[in-house]
Structure formats: C-alpha cells, structure tokens
Amino acid sequence: MNKIYWILSTIALLVFSCSESELIPVEPGTEVQERLRSKFSSELKCTKQGEMQTNLYQGIYEGATVYFVAVMCPNCNTVPPKSGYTEKLEEVIFSDFQNVTDMKIVYDSCTRKFSK
C-alpha cells in the first residue's frame, strides 16, 4: 500500500509542478531561430499573454539584421535593449535603439511558436 501511495504522490507532484507554458510544446524554427532561442532561453518568459511577456525579436540596425530580447508589456515602463546579436552570435551595441528598424517578432514566449 505504501508503495502505491508513493508512486501516486510522485506522479501527482510531477504533473502539478509543471507550469502551463511548460506543457505547450515548442514548435521548431529555422536553424538560426533555434540557435538564438537557445542563447536567450533564460530570458524568454511568459507571465501572462498580452500583458507581460519577453519575446525574441529581429530588426535592422546599421544595415545588419540583429536579434534581441524585448519585454512586451503595455502597462510597464520598460527600457529598450542595449544590444542585440547577429546570426553568428556577435554582439552589436545599440547607440540608439530608435535606429533599429523593421522590427518583428521571431519567437513568442507565450505561444512558444516561431514566426514564419
């Protein structure tokens, strides 16, 4: 009886310890997208979809495509990223984030999907 109780307790603990976003599978992206998602994995968070999430974006800065993490929070006073990375993971420091153009989302941390 103790053995069955222990097994059921362990299963329940494993099932209920995962957050909802951890249960959503990550859809695969391109090799570059996967590399960048892996680099920023500790920063990509979803607190509540549409209200507070940190996503991976890409943009053009001084003629080069750069990737960076930014907080999407309409009600927060957030600071823009100070740097981004190229496809080869070379850091690019932004002298002025206003100069980053053509920004688009690459990876949504709440839906766990890459953009097409």
Protein backbone atom coordinates (compact mmCIF):
# COMPACT_ATOMS: atom_id res chain seq x y z
CA MET A 1 0.00 0.00 0.00
CA ASN A 2 2.82 2.41 0.87
CA LYS A 3 4.46 1.70 -2.46
CA ILE A 4 1.31 2.62 -4.41
CA TYR A 5 0.86 5.79 -2.35
CA TRP A 6 4.46 6.77 -3.02
CA ILE A 7 4.13 6.18 -6.78
CA LEU A 8 0.86 8.14 -7.00
CA SER A 9 2.34 11.00 -4.95
CA THR A 10 5.37 11.18 -7.22
CA ILE A 11 3.24 11.24 -10.37
CA ALA A 12 0.98 13.95 -8.93
CA LEU A 13 3.98 16.04 -7.94
CA LEU A 14 5.46 15.80 -11.43
CA VAL A 15 2.19 16.65 -13.16
CA PHE A 16 1.30 19.61 -10.97
CA SER A 17 4.82 21.05 -10.73
CA CYS A 18 4.89 21.99 -14.42
CA SER A 19 3.53 25.36 -15.41
CA GLU A 20 1.01 25.55 -18.23
CA SER A 21 3.56 27.09 -20.63
CA GLU A 22 5.97 24.19 -20.00
CA LEU A 23 3.30 21.77 -21.17
CA ILE A 24 2.94 23.53 -24.53
CA PRO A 25 5.43 22.00 -26.97
CA VAL A 26 7.87 24.32 -28.74
CA GLU A 27 7.35 24.32 -32.49
CA PRO A 28 10.67 24.04 -34.31
CA GLY A 29 12.10 27.04 -36.14
CA THR A 30 14.93 27.55 -38.57
CA GLU A 31 18.47 26.74 -37.51
CA VAL A 32 19.18 30.43 -36.83
CA GLN A 33 15.95 30.86 -34.84
CA GLU A 34 16.70 27.78 -32.75
CA ARG A 35 20.26 28.97 -32.06
CA LEU A 36 19.02 32.38 -30.90
CA ARG A 37 16.17 30.95 -28.83
CA SER A 38 18.70 28.72 -27.12
CA LYS A 39 21.03 31.68 -26.46
CA PHE A 40 18.23 33.71 -24.87
CA SER A 41 16.35 30.80 -23.24
CA SER A 42 16.81 32.11 -19.70
CA GLU A 43 15.34 35.50 -20.67
CA LEU A 44 12.31 34.35 -22.71
CA LYS A 45 9.43 34.37 -20.24
CA CYS A 46 5.66 34.49 -20.35
CA THR A 47 3.88 35.81 -17.28
CA LYS A 48 0.56 36.49 -18.97
CA GLN A 49 -0.07 36.56 -22.72
CA GLY A 50 -0.75 40.06 -23.99
CA GLU A 51 0.13 41.65 -20.67
CA MET A 52 3.66 40.65 -19.69
CA GLN A 53 5.98 38.58 -21.81
CA THR A 54 9.57 38.66 -23.00
CA ASN A 55 9.98 37.68 -26.64
CA LEU A 56 12.72 37.33 -29.25
CA TYR A 57 12.66 40.00 -31.99
CA GLN A 58 14.67 40.85 -35.06
CA GLY A 59 15.32 44.19 -36.68
CA ILE A 60 17.71 46.07 -38.91
CA TYR A 61 20.45 48.14 -37.29
CA GLU A 62 23.05 49.93 -39.39
CA GLY A 63 22.22 47.69 -42.36
CA ALA A 64 22.59 44.41 -40.48
CA THR A 65 19.94 42.02 -39.18
CA VAL A 66 20.08 41.87 -35.39
CA TYR A 67 18.19 39.75 -32.87
CA PHE A 68 17.30 40.90 -29.37
CA VAL A 69 15.02 40.18 -26.45
CA ALA A 70 12.43 42.79 -25.51
CA VAL A 71 9.67 42.97 -22.92
CA MET A 72 6.15 43.27 -24.28
CA CYS A 73 4.16 44.95 -21.54
CA PRO A 74 1.72 47.73 -22.47
CA ASN A 75 1.38 48.93 -18.87
CA CYS A 76 5.06 48.79 -17.92
CA ASN A 77 7.72 51.43 -18.29
CA THR A 78 10.43 49.20 -19.77
CA VAL A 79 13.87 50.12 -21.03
CA PRO A 80 14.72 49.12 -24.63
CA PRO A 81 17.51 46.60 -25.19
CA LYS A 82 21.07 47.95 -25.13
CA SER A 83 22.37 45.34 -27.57
CA GLY A 84 21.47 42.58 -29.97
CA TYR A 85 23.21 39.74 -31.76
CA THR A 86 23.86 38.81 -35.37
CA GLU A 87 23.07 35.36 -36.77
CA LYS A 88 26.66 34.41 -35.87
CA LEU A 89 26.03 35.47 -32.24
CA GLU A 90 28.27 38.52 -32.48
CA GLU A 91 27.10 41.23 -30.10
CA VAL A 92 26.01 44.58 -31.55
CA ILE A 93 25.72 47.51 -29.12
CA PHE A 94 22.87 49.90 -29.96
CA SER A 95 24.00 53.53 -29.71
CA ASP A 96 20.33 54.48 -30.08
CA PHE A 97 17.54 51.88 -30.12
CA GLN A 98 15.44 54.31 -32.19
CA ASN A 99 17.73 53.37 -35.11
CA VAL A 100 16.55 49.74 -35.05
CA THR A 101 14.01 49.47 -37.87
CA ASP A 102 11.76 46.81 -39.42
CA MET A 103 11.27 45.08 -36.07
CA LYS A 104 9.25 41.89 -35.98
CA ILE A 105 8.72 39.09 -33.53
CA VAL A 106 10.76 35.92 -34.09
CA TYR A 107 9.66 33.84 -31.10
CA ASP A 108 6.61 34.31 -28.88
CA SER A 109 7.34 33.04 -25.37
CA CYS A 110 3.65 32.51 -24.52
CA THR A 111 2.58 30.53 -27.57
CA ARG A 112 6.07 29.00 -27.86
CA LYS A 113 5.95 29.47 -31.63
CA PHE A 114 8.35 30.96 -34.13
CA SER A 115 7.07 33.41 -36.72
CA LYS A 116 7.06 32.24 -40.30
